N, C-alpha and C. Protein backbone atom coordinates (compact mmCIF):
# COMPACT_ATOMS: atom_id res chain seq x y z
N MET A 1 -76.01 51.80 -144.42
CA MET A 1 -74.73 51.04 -144.82
C MET A 1 -73.58 52.62 -144.57
N LEU A 2 -72.63 51.71 -144.14
CA LEU A 2 -71.44 52.74 -143.91
C LEU A 2 -69.85 51.94 -144.35
N GLY A 3 -69.11 52.46 -144.76
CA GLY A 3 -67.85 51.98 -145.18
C GLY A 3 -67.09 52.94 -144.03
N ALA A 4 -66.08 51.76 -144.32
CA ALA A 4 -64.57 52.57 -143.24
C ALA A 4 -63.49 52.63 -143.82
N SER A 5 -62.48 53.00 -143.94
CA SER A 5 -61.05 52.98 -144.63
C SER A 5 -59.81 53.66 -143.35
N PHE A 6 -58.64 53.22 -143.95
CA PHE A 6 -57.75 53.77 -143.06
C PHE A 6 -57.52 55.47 -143.47
N ASP A 7 -57.92 55.90 -144.73
CA ASP A 7 -57.30 56.87 -145.87
C ASP A 7 -58.16 58.00 -144.95
N ASP A 8 -57.27 59.08 -145.81
CA ASP A 8 -58.31 60.77 -144.89
C ASP A 8 -59.40 60.75 -145.37
N VAL A 9 -59.72 62.38 -144.80
CA VAL A 9 -61.52 62.69 -145.57
C VAL A 9 -60.89 62.90 -147.45
N GLU A 10 -60.07 63.45 -147.53
CA GLU A 10 -60.03 63.55 -148.93
C GLU A 10 -59.66 62.50 -150.06
N LYS A 11 -59.29 61.70 -149.13
CA LYS A 11 -58.85 60.76 -149.87
C LYS A 11 -60.37 59.95 -150.33
N ASN A 12 -60.67 59.37 -148.97
CA ASN A 12 -62.11 59.00 -149.05
C ASN A 12 -63.21 59.88 -149.66
N ARG A 13 -63.51 61.11 -149.74
CA ARG A 13 -64.17 61.87 -150.46
C ARG A 13 -64.07 61.10 -152.15
N ALA A 14 -62.26 61.60 -152.40
CA ALA A 14 -62.63 61.31 -153.89
C ALA A 14 -62.64 59.90 -154.14
N PHE A 15 -62.51 59.15 -153.53
CA PHE A 15 -62.64 57.44 -153.93
C PHE A 15 -64.26 57.30 -154.01
N ALA A 16 -65.03 57.75 -152.90
CA ALA A 16 -66.40 57.63 -152.90
C ALA A 16 -67.31 58.05 -153.95
N ASP A 17 -66.60 59.42 -154.40
CA ASP A 17 -67.42 60.46 -155.51
C ASP A 17 -67.02 59.54 -157.18
N LYS A 18 -65.69 58.84 -156.68
CA LYS A 18 -65.32 58.32 -158.48
C LYS A 18 -65.65 56.93 -158.60
N PHE A 19 -66.36 56.26 -157.35
CA PHE A 19 -67.22 55.26 -157.59
C PHE A 19 -68.94 55.24 -157.88
N GLY A 20 -69.45 56.54 -157.39
CA GLY A 20 -70.48 56.82 -157.32
C GLY A 20 -70.77 55.96 -155.84
N TYR A 21 -70.44 55.89 -154.65
CA TYR A 21 -71.06 55.18 -153.37
C TYR A 21 -72.19 56.08 -152.61
N PRO A 22 -73.23 55.60 -152.65
CA PRO A 22 -74.25 56.49 -152.18
C PRO A 22 -74.41 55.78 -150.47
N PHE A 23 -73.13 55.90 -150.08
CA PHE A 23 -73.37 55.90 -148.69
C PHE A 23 -71.61 56.12 -147.83
N ARG A 24 -71.83 56.42 -146.47
CA ARG A 24 -70.54 57.38 -146.07
C ARG A 24 -69.59 56.63 -146.30
N LEU A 25 -68.35 57.13 -146.31
CA LEU A 25 -66.84 56.26 -145.84
C LEU A 25 -66.44 56.76 -144.78
N LEU A 26 -66.56 56.04 -143.79
CA LEU A 26 -65.83 56.84 -142.72
C LEU A 26 -63.87 56.87 -142.58
N CYS A 27 -63.50 57.57 -141.72
CA CYS A 27 -62.02 57.56 -141.72
C CYS A 27 -61.50 56.98 -140.58
N ASP A 28 -60.98 55.82 -140.58
CA ASP A 28 -60.03 55.54 -138.79
C ASP A 28 -58.52 55.38 -139.29
N ARG A 29 -58.53 56.34 -139.29
CA ARG A 29 -56.93 57.27 -139.71
C ARG A 29 -56.25 56.67 -138.09
N THR A 30 -56.83 56.40 -137.31
CA THR A 30 -56.04 55.61 -136.06
C THR A 30 -56.17 54.22 -135.98
N GLN A 31 -57.00 53.39 -136.70
CA GLN A 31 -56.79 52.21 -136.90
C GLN A 31 -58.20 51.47 -135.63
N ALA A 32 -58.60 52.02 -135.25
CA ALA A 32 -59.10 51.84 -133.61
C ALA A 32 -60.08 50.82 -134.23
N VAL A 33 -61.08 51.34 -135.40
CA VAL A 33 -62.29 49.87 -135.84
C VAL A 33 -61.89 49.05 -136.72
N GLY A 34 -60.91 49.47 -137.35
CA GLY A 34 -60.14 47.84 -137.97
C GLY A 34 -59.86 47.30 -137.12
N THR A 35 -58.95 47.72 -135.60
CA THR A 35 -58.03 46.22 -134.95
C THR A 35 -59.85 45.83 -134.09
N ALA A 36 -60.20 46.57 -133.86
CA ALA A 36 -61.31 45.93 -133.07
C ALA A 36 -62.32 45.23 -133.43
N TYR A 37 -62.35 45.03 -134.90
CA TYR A 37 -63.09 44.16 -135.61
C TYR A 37 -62.02 43.22 -136.67
N GLY A 38 -61.26 43.32 -136.08
CA GLY A 38 -59.84 42.48 -136.72
C GLY A 38 -59.51 42.25 -137.81
N VAL A 39 -59.48 43.14 -138.97
CA VAL A 39 -59.61 43.14 -140.16
C VAL A 39 -58.06 43.95 -140.86
N LEU A 40 -56.96 43.84 -140.07
CA LEU A 40 -56.04 44.51 -139.96
C LEU A 40 -55.18 43.47 -140.56
N ASP A 41 -54.82 43.23 -141.97
CA ASP A 41 -53.66 42.52 -142.66
C ASP A 41 -52.93 42.01 -142.13
N ALA A 42 -52.72 40.64 -141.84
CA ALA A 42 -51.72 39.73 -141.04
C ALA A 42 -50.16 39.78 -142.20
N ASP A 43 -50.12 40.15 -142.80
CA ASP A 43 -48.69 40.54 -143.74
C ASP A 43 -48.35 41.73 -143.59
N ASP A 44 -49.68 43.05 -143.50
CA ASP A 44 -48.72 44.50 -143.54
C ASP A 44 -50.14 45.50 -142.52
N PRO A 45 -49.86 45.00 -141.74
CA PRO A 45 -50.92 45.68 -140.80
C PRO A 45 -51.29 47.04 -140.90
N GLY A 46 -50.95 47.50 -141.69
CA GLY A 46 -51.34 48.93 -142.35
C GLY A 46 -52.12 49.04 -143.28
N TYR A 47 -52.53 48.02 -143.10
CA TYR A 47 -53.87 47.78 -144.20
C TYR A 47 -55.20 47.31 -144.21
N PRO A 48 -55.91 47.40 -143.90
CA PRO A 48 -57.14 46.59 -143.89
C PRO A 48 -57.52 45.45 -145.26
N ARG A 49 -57.83 44.30 -144.46
CA ARG A 49 -58.60 43.41 -145.09
C ARG A 49 -59.81 44.14 -145.86
N ARG A 50 -60.55 43.44 -147.12
CA ARG A 50 -61.57 44.08 -147.29
C ARG A 50 -62.84 42.73 -146.93
N VAL A 51 -63.20 43.05 -145.45
CA VAL A 51 -64.31 42.68 -145.21
C VAL A 51 -65.57 43.25 -144.85
N SER A 52 -66.53 42.38 -144.97
CA SER A 52 -67.93 43.35 -144.34
C SER A 52 -68.73 42.48 -143.74
N PHE A 53 -69.49 43.38 -142.39
CA PHE A 53 -70.14 42.83 -141.67
C PHE A 53 -71.58 43.24 -141.75
N LEU A 54 -72.79 42.31 -141.99
CA LEU A 54 -73.87 42.66 -141.79
C LEU A 54 -74.49 42.70 -140.25
N ILE A 55 -75.18 43.94 -139.65
CA ILE A 55 -75.24 43.86 -138.29
C ILE A 55 -76.89 44.05 -138.52
N GLY A 56 -77.31 43.32 -137.30
CA GLY A 56 -78.73 43.56 -137.15
C GLY A 56 -78.87 44.60 -136.33
N PRO A 57 -80.51 44.33 -136.50
CA PRO A 57 -80.79 45.94 -135.65
C PRO A 57 -81.03 46.01 -134.08
N ASP A 58 -80.51 44.89 -133.45
CA ASP A 58 -80.02 44.93 -132.20
C ASP A 58 -78.50 44.70 -131.75
N GLY A 59 -77.75 45.24 -133.10
CA GLY A 59 -76.25 45.58 -132.85
C GLY A 59 -75.42 44.68 -132.68
N ARG A 60 -75.72 43.44 -133.29
CA ARG A 60 -74.61 42.09 -133.10
C ARG A 60 -74.89 41.61 -134.57
N ILE A 61 -73.41 41.09 -134.52
CA ILE A 61 -73.34 41.18 -136.09
C ILE A 61 -73.50 39.71 -136.42
N VAL A 62 -74.63 39.68 -137.49
CA VAL A 62 -75.01 38.28 -138.17
C VAL A 62 -74.78 38.08 -139.12
N THR A 63 -73.08 38.50 -139.90
CA THR A 63 -72.52 37.68 -140.89
C THR A 63 -71.31 38.37 -140.70
N ILE A 64 -70.25 37.94 -141.21
CA ILE A 64 -69.17 38.53 -141.40
C ILE A 64 -68.70 37.58 -142.79
N TYR A 65 -68.63 38.93 -144.04
CA TYR A 65 -68.27 38.04 -145.21
C TYR A 65 -66.76 38.51 -145.40
N ASP A 66 -65.86 37.30 -145.53
CA ASP A 66 -64.62 37.52 -145.84
C ASP A 66 -63.92 36.31 -145.98
N PRO A 67 -63.48 36.71 -147.11
CA PRO A 67 -63.06 38.08 -148.17
C PRO A 67 -64.66 38.38 -149.11
N VAL A 68 -64.37 39.22 -149.15
CA VAL A 68 -65.52 39.90 -150.58
C VAL A 68 -65.02 40.14 -151.36
N GLU A 69 -66.02 39.77 -152.62
CA GLU A 69 -65.96 39.44 -154.06
C GLU A 69 -66.55 40.96 -155.03
N PRO A 70 -66.15 42.05 -154.33
CA PRO A 70 -66.54 43.56 -155.20
C PRO A 70 -67.81 42.96 -156.21
N ALA A 71 -67.56 42.42 -157.01
CA ALA A 71 -68.51 42.07 -158.26
C ALA A 71 -69.63 41.50 -157.54
N THR A 72 -69.75 40.91 -157.04
CA THR A 72 -70.95 39.81 -156.18
C THR A 72 -71.30 40.36 -154.90
N HIS A 73 -70.87 41.33 -154.57
CA HIS A 73 -71.17 40.90 -153.03
C HIS A 73 -72.22 41.94 -152.50
N ALA A 74 -72.65 42.80 -153.41
CA ALA A 74 -73.80 43.26 -152.86
C ALA A 74 -75.03 42.93 -153.48
N ALA A 75 -75.29 41.79 -154.47
CA ALA A 75 -76.38 40.64 -154.80
C ALA A 75 -75.87 39.99 -153.43
N GLN A 76 -74.99 39.23 -152.94
CA GLN A 76 -74.90 38.53 -151.54
C GLN A 76 -75.40 38.84 -150.97
N VAL A 77 -75.54 40.44 -150.30
CA VAL A 77 -76.13 40.49 -148.93
C VAL A 77 -77.38 40.90 -149.17
N LEU A 78 -77.69 41.51 -150.42
CA LEU A 78 -79.37 42.10 -150.43
C LEU A 78 -79.94 40.53 -150.40
N ALA A 79 -79.54 39.45 -151.17
CA ALA A 79 -80.40 37.96 -151.06
C ALA A 79 -80.16 37.53 -149.54
N GLU A 80 -79.36 37.81 -148.40
CA GLU A 80 -79.16 37.77 -147.29
C GLU A 80 -80.25 38.29 -146.36
N VAL A 81 -80.56 39.50 -146.73
CA VAL A 81 -80.98 40.51 -146.24
C VAL A 81 -82.83 39.96 -146.27
N ALA A 82 -83.03 39.67 -147.76
CA ALA A 82 -84.43 39.38 -148.23
C ALA A 82 -84.77 37.79 -147.77
N ALA A 83 -83.91 37.19 -147.37
CA ALA A 83 -84.22 35.63 -146.97
C ALA A 83 -85.11 35.87 -145.88
N PRO A 84 -86.42 34.86 -146.21
CA PRO A 84 -87.12 34.73 -145.25
C PRO A 84 -86.79 34.39 -143.65
N GLY A 85 -87.76 34.79 -142.77
CA GLY A 85 -87.10 34.82 -141.24
C GLY A 85 -85.77 35.90 -141.11
N ARG A 86 -85.74 36.97 -142.02
CA ARG A 86 -84.67 37.65 -141.78
C ARG A 86 -85.43 39.21 -141.56
C-alpha cells in the first residue's frame, strides 16, 4: 500500500506520523503521478482529488474509488480484496 501527495517530504512525514499511517506516503512534487492517474482537481489543479486505486498483481487497475470516504474506505477495499474470486 502506498499513498501519494503533492506535499514535500517533511509535510508527508508529519502527516503520516500524526495519523499513524502504516504505509509510505510518496512525494509527487511535480504532480507527474497525479497527472498520469487523472486526479488533479478541476477547480484547483494544484491539488489532487482524494482517489484510490486498487491495482492487481499484474499491475493493472482493478477498481477506482472516486471519491473516497475516509471513514469507510479501508473496510470497502478490504471487502473487495477478500471477495471470492479475488
